[in-house]
N, C-alpha and C. Protein backbone atom coordinates (compact mmCIF):
# COMPACT_ATOMS: atom_id res chain seq x y z
N MET A 1 7.29 -29.68 9.96
CA MET A 1 8.24 -28.72 9.41
C MET A 1 7.84 -27.29 9.75
N GLY A 2 6.60 -27.10 10.20
CA GLY A 2 6.17 -25.77 10.61
C GLY A 2 6.34 -24.75 9.50
N ARG A 3 6.86 -23.60 9.85
CA ARG A 3 7.03 -22.52 8.87
C ARG A 3 8.11 -22.81 7.84
N ARG A 4 8.92 -23.85 8.05
CA ARG A 4 9.94 -24.24 7.06
C ARG A 4 9.34 -25.06 5.93
N TRP A 5 8.07 -25.45 6.06
CA TRP A 5 7.41 -26.24 5.02
C TRP A 5 7.32 -25.41 3.75
N THR A 6 7.67 -26.00 2.61
CA THR A 6 7.69 -25.25 1.35
C THR A 6 6.31 -24.77 0.92
N HIS A 7 5.25 -25.40 1.41
CA HIS A 7 3.90 -24.97 1.02
C HIS A 7 3.19 -24.20 2.12
N TYR A 8 3.95 -23.60 3.04
CA TYR A 8 3.36 -22.74 4.06
C TYR A 8 3.11 -21.39 3.38
N LYS A 9 1.88 -21.23 2.89
CA LYS A 9 1.54 -20.07 2.07
C LYS A 9 0.22 -19.45 2.53
N ALA A 10 0.05 -18.18 2.22
CA ALA A 10 -1.15 -17.45 2.64
C ALA A 10 -2.42 -18.05 2.06
N GLU A 11 -2.37 -18.63 0.86
CA GLU A 11 -3.59 -19.16 0.26
C GLU A 11 -4.04 -20.49 0.86
N HIS A 12 -3.21 -21.10 1.68
CA HIS A 12 -3.61 -22.32 2.39
C HIS A 12 -4.27 -21.86 3.70
N PHE A 13 -5.56 -22.12 3.82
CA PHE A 13 -6.32 -21.61 4.96
C PHE A 13 -6.14 -22.42 6.23
N PHE A 14 -5.92 -23.71 6.12
CA PHE A 14 -5.80 -24.57 7.29
C PHE A 14 -4.57 -25.46 7.16
N TYR A 15 -3.92 -25.69 8.29
CA TYR A 15 -2.79 -26.59 8.35
C TYR A 15 -3.08 -27.64 9.41
N PHE A 16 -2.85 -28.90 9.07
CA PHE A 16 -3.17 -29.99 9.97
C PHE A 16 -1.94 -30.83 10.26
N ASN A 17 -1.94 -31.42 11.44
CA ASN A 17 -0.98 -32.47 11.76
C ASN A 17 -1.80 -33.66 12.25
N ARG A 18 -1.14 -34.74 12.61
CA ARG A 18 -1.88 -35.94 13.00
C ARG A 18 -2.82 -35.66 14.17
N ARG A 19 -2.34 -34.95 15.15
CA ARG A 19 -3.15 -34.67 16.35
C ARG A 19 -4.40 -33.85 16.02
N SER A 20 -4.24 -32.81 15.22
CA SER A 20 -5.41 -31.97 14.90
C SER A 20 -6.42 -32.73 14.04
N ILE A 21 -5.94 -33.61 13.15
CA ILE A 21 -6.85 -34.40 12.34
C ILE A 21 -7.56 -35.44 13.21
N GLU A 22 -6.84 -36.03 14.16
CA GLU A 22 -7.48 -36.99 15.07
C GLU A 22 -8.63 -36.34 15.83
N ARG A 23 -8.42 -35.13 16.34
CA ARG A 23 -9.48 -34.43 17.08
C ARG A 23 -10.66 -34.11 16.18
N LEU A 24 -10.40 -33.62 14.98
CA LEU A 24 -11.46 -33.30 14.04
C LEU A 24 -12.23 -34.56 13.63
N ALA A 25 -11.52 -35.64 13.36
CA ALA A 25 -12.15 -36.89 12.98
C ALA A 25 -13.05 -37.41 14.10
N ALA A 26 -12.56 -37.36 15.34
CA ALA A 26 -13.35 -37.84 16.48
C ALA A 26 -14.63 -37.03 16.63
N ARG A 27 -14.55 -35.71 16.44
CA ARG A 27 -15.76 -34.86 16.51
C ARG A 27 -16.78 -35.24 15.45
N CYS A 28 -16.29 -35.75 14.32
CA CYS A 28 -17.18 -36.11 13.21
C CYS A 28 -17.56 -37.59 13.25
N GLY A 29 -17.10 -38.31 14.27
CA GLY A 29 -17.42 -39.73 14.38
C GLY A 29 -16.65 -40.61 13.42
N LEU A 30 -15.47 -40.19 13.01
CA LEU A 30 -14.64 -40.94 12.07
C LEU A 30 -13.39 -41.45 12.75
N GLU A 31 -12.75 -42.43 12.13
CA GLU A 31 -11.48 -42.94 12.65
C GLU A 31 -10.49 -43.11 11.50
N PHE A 32 -9.22 -43.24 11.86
CA PHE A 32 -8.18 -43.36 10.86
C PHE A 32 -8.23 -44.70 10.15
N ALA A 33 -8.16 -44.68 8.84
CA ALA A 33 -7.94 -45.88 8.03
C ALA A 33 -6.46 -45.89 7.61
N HIS A 34 -5.90 -44.69 7.40
CA HIS A 34 -4.50 -44.57 6.99
C HIS A 34 -4.01 -43.15 7.29
N PHE A 35 -2.78 -43.05 7.74
CA PHE A 35 -2.11 -41.76 7.92
C PHE A 35 -0.68 -41.97 7.46
N GLY A 36 -0.23 -41.17 6.49
CA GLY A 36 1.14 -41.34 6.00
C GLY A 36 1.69 -40.06 5.40
N ARG A 37 2.96 -40.10 5.11
CA ARG A 37 3.64 -38.97 4.48
C ARG A 37 3.44 -39.04 2.97
N LEU A 38 3.21 -37.90 2.36
CA LEU A 38 2.95 -37.81 0.93
C LEU A 38 4.25 -37.69 0.14
N LYS A 39 4.35 -38.46 -0.92
CA LYS A 39 5.44 -38.28 -1.89
C LYS A 39 4.83 -37.57 -3.09
N LYS A 40 5.40 -36.44 -3.44
CA LYS A 40 4.91 -35.67 -4.57
C LYS A 40 5.79 -35.94 -5.78
N SER A 41 5.16 -36.12 -6.93
CA SER A 41 5.89 -36.31 -8.17
C SER A 41 6.01 -34.95 -8.86
N LEU A 42 7.23 -34.53 -9.13
CA LEU A 42 7.46 -33.24 -9.79
C LEU A 42 8.74 -33.29 -10.58
N ASN A 43 9.05 -32.19 -11.25
CA ASN A 43 10.31 -32.11 -12.00
C ASN A 43 10.99 -30.78 -11.67
N LEU A 44 12.24 -30.64 -12.09
CA LEU A 44 13.00 -29.44 -11.75
C LEU A 44 12.42 -28.18 -12.38
N HIS A 45 11.81 -28.31 -13.55
CA HIS A 45 11.17 -27.15 -14.18
C HIS A 45 10.04 -26.62 -13.29
N TYR A 46 9.18 -27.52 -12.81
CA TYR A 46 8.08 -27.13 -11.91
C TYR A 46 8.65 -26.55 -10.62
N LEU A 47 9.64 -27.23 -10.04
CA LEU A 47 10.24 -26.76 -8.79
C LEU A 47 10.82 -25.36 -8.97
N HIS A 48 11.50 -25.14 -10.07
CA HIS A 48 12.07 -23.81 -10.35
C HIS A 48 10.97 -22.75 -10.45
N SER A 49 9.88 -23.07 -11.15
CA SER A 49 8.79 -22.09 -11.30
C SER A 49 8.16 -21.77 -9.94
N GLN A 50 8.00 -22.77 -9.08
CA GLN A 50 7.43 -22.53 -7.75
C GLN A 50 8.37 -21.70 -6.88
N LEU A 51 9.67 -22.02 -6.94
CA LEU A 51 10.63 -21.30 -6.11
C LEU A 51 10.95 -19.91 -6.65
N THR A 52 10.53 -19.62 -7.87
CA THR A 52 10.64 -18.26 -8.39
C THR A 52 9.55 -17.39 -7.76
N VAL A 53 8.37 -17.97 -7.57
CA VAL A 53 7.25 -17.24 -6.95
C VAL A 53 7.37 -17.24 -5.44
N TYR A 54 7.62 -18.42 -4.84
CA TYR A 54 7.73 -18.58 -3.39
C TYR A 54 9.21 -18.79 -3.06
N ARG A 55 9.93 -17.70 -2.95
CA ARG A 55 11.38 -17.74 -2.84
C ARG A 55 11.85 -18.43 -1.56
N HIS A 56 12.96 -19.14 -1.68
CA HIS A 56 13.60 -19.84 -0.56
C HIS A 56 15.08 -19.49 -0.62
N GLY A 57 15.65 -19.11 0.51
CA GLY A 57 17.03 -18.61 0.55
C GLY A 57 18.07 -19.52 -0.07
N LEU A 58 17.94 -20.82 0.09
CA LEU A 58 18.92 -21.76 -0.46
C LEU A 58 18.45 -22.39 -1.77
N MET A 59 17.21 -22.84 -1.79
CA MET A 59 16.72 -23.62 -2.93
C MET A 59 16.49 -22.79 -4.19
N THR A 60 16.07 -21.53 -4.05
CA THR A 60 15.83 -20.71 -5.24
C THR A 60 17.11 -20.50 -6.05
N PRO A 61 18.23 -20.10 -5.42
CA PRO A 61 19.46 -19.96 -6.21
C PRO A 61 19.93 -21.28 -6.84
N VAL A 62 19.73 -22.39 -6.14
CA VAL A 62 20.13 -23.70 -6.68
C VAL A 62 19.32 -24.01 -7.93
N THR A 63 17.98 -23.84 -7.86
CA THR A 63 17.16 -24.14 -9.04
C THR A 63 17.38 -23.14 -10.15
N ASP A 64 17.72 -21.89 -9.82
CA ASP A 64 18.09 -20.91 -10.86
C ASP A 64 19.30 -21.40 -11.64
N LEU A 65 20.31 -21.87 -10.93
CA LEU A 65 21.53 -22.38 -11.56
C LEU A 65 21.22 -23.62 -12.41
N LEU A 66 20.48 -24.57 -11.84
CA LEU A 66 20.14 -25.78 -12.59
C LEU A 66 19.36 -25.46 -13.85
N ASN A 67 18.46 -24.50 -13.75
CA ASN A 67 17.66 -24.09 -14.92
C ASN A 67 18.54 -23.53 -16.04
N ARG A 68 19.64 -22.88 -15.67
CA ARG A 68 20.55 -22.31 -16.67
C ARG A 68 21.47 -23.36 -17.29
N VAL A 69 21.87 -24.38 -16.52
CA VAL A 69 22.91 -25.28 -17.02
C VAL A 69 22.42 -26.65 -17.49
N LEU A 70 21.28 -27.10 -17.00
CA LEU A 70 20.81 -28.44 -17.39
C LEU A 70 20.01 -28.41 -18.68
N PRO A 71 20.11 -29.46 -19.48
CA PRO A 71 19.27 -29.55 -20.69
C PRO A 71 17.80 -29.71 -20.30
N ALA A 72 16.92 -29.30 -21.19
CA ALA A 72 15.47 -29.34 -20.93
C ALA A 72 14.99 -30.75 -20.57
N ARG A 73 15.55 -31.76 -21.22
CA ARG A 73 15.09 -33.14 -20.94
C ARG A 73 15.33 -33.53 -19.49
N LEU A 74 16.39 -33.02 -18.87
CA LEU A 74 16.63 -33.31 -17.45
C LEU A 74 15.74 -32.45 -16.56
N MET A 75 15.49 -31.22 -16.98
CA MET A 75 14.60 -30.34 -16.20
C MET A 75 13.17 -30.89 -16.17
N GLU A 76 12.79 -31.64 -17.22
CA GLU A 76 11.42 -32.17 -17.33
C GLU A 76 11.27 -33.58 -16.77
N ARG A 77 12.35 -34.21 -16.35
CA ARG A 77 12.28 -35.59 -15.83
C ARG A 77 11.64 -35.58 -14.44
N ASN A 78 10.60 -36.39 -14.28
CA ASN A 78 9.88 -36.46 -13.00
C ASN A 78 10.64 -37.27 -11.97
N PHE A 79 10.51 -36.86 -10.71
CA PHE A 79 11.03 -37.61 -9.57
C PHE A 79 10.07 -37.43 -8.41
N LYS A 80 10.17 -38.30 -7.43
CA LYS A 80 9.30 -38.22 -6.26
C LYS A 80 10.09 -37.70 -5.08
N ILE A 81 9.43 -36.86 -4.28
CA ILE A 81 10.08 -36.24 -3.13
C ILE A 81 9.05 -36.01 -2.04
N ARG A 82 9.49 -36.11 -0.81
CA ARG A 82 8.64 -35.76 0.33
C ARG A 82 8.92 -34.32 0.70
N ILE A 83 7.87 -33.50 0.70
CA ILE A 83 8.06 -32.08 1.01
C ILE A 83 7.18 -31.63 2.17
N GLY A 84 6.74 -32.58 2.98
CA GLY A 84 6.00 -32.23 4.18
C GLY A 84 4.51 -32.47 4.12
N GLY A 85 3.99 -32.93 2.99
CA GLY A 85 2.56 -33.20 2.90
C GLY A 85 2.19 -34.51 3.56
N ILE A 86 0.91 -34.66 3.88
CA ILE A 86 0.43 -35.89 4.48
C ILE A 86 -0.76 -36.43 3.69
N VAL A 87 -0.99 -37.73 3.81
CA VAL A 87 -2.14 -38.39 3.20
C VAL A 87 -2.94 -38.99 4.35
N VAL A 88 -4.23 -38.69 4.39
CA VAL A 88 -5.09 -39.18 5.45
C VAL A 88 -6.34 -39.81 4.85
N LEU A 89 -6.64 -41.01 5.25
CA LEU A 89 -7.90 -41.64 4.88
C LEU A 89 -8.67 -41.90 6.18
N LEU A 90 -9.91 -41.44 6.21
CA LEU A 90 -10.76 -41.63 7.38
C LEU A 90 -11.92 -42.54 7.00
N LYS A 91 -12.46 -43.21 8.00
CA LYS A 91 -13.60 -44.10 7.74
C LYS A 91 -14.60 -44.00 8.86
N LYS A 92 -15.81 -44.38 8.54
CA LYS A 92 -16.84 -44.50 9.57
C LYS A 92 -16.58 -45.79 10.32
N PRO A 93 -16.66 -45.77 11.64
CA PRO A 93 -16.44 -47.01 12.39
C PRO A 93 -17.56 -48.02 12.10
N VAL A 94 -17.21 -49.29 12.12
CA VAL A 94 -18.17 -50.36 11.91
C VAL A 94 -18.61 -50.84 13.29
N TYR A 95 -19.91 -50.76 13.51
CA TYR A 95 -20.46 -51.20 14.80
C TYR A 95 -21.14 -52.55 14.61
N SER A 96 -20.84 -53.49 15.49
CA SER A 96 -21.52 -54.79 15.41
C SER A 96 -22.75 -54.77 16.32
N SER A 97 -23.78 -55.47 15.90
CA SER A 97 -25.01 -55.47 16.69
C SER A 97 -25.18 -56.74 17.49
């Protein structure tokens, strides 16, 4: 997603993709056990608070409206969404003798 990623922020020092992690893992003598897309569990209240700080041209106005019209119980209901994060598990290779 590059710069369109919702968590592309100044406080994140490093950004990785599969290729960059593969190179780093190889340098450290590690290999992939798992590589997948992350599903984050969140609710509209949290999303609204994040988009108030890290504004987005389309999503901030939408969450502003939802925050005004939806009851609190719906704003607090959790759901899972993919927002560009990844999950990586690395392992030490097993060598047979």
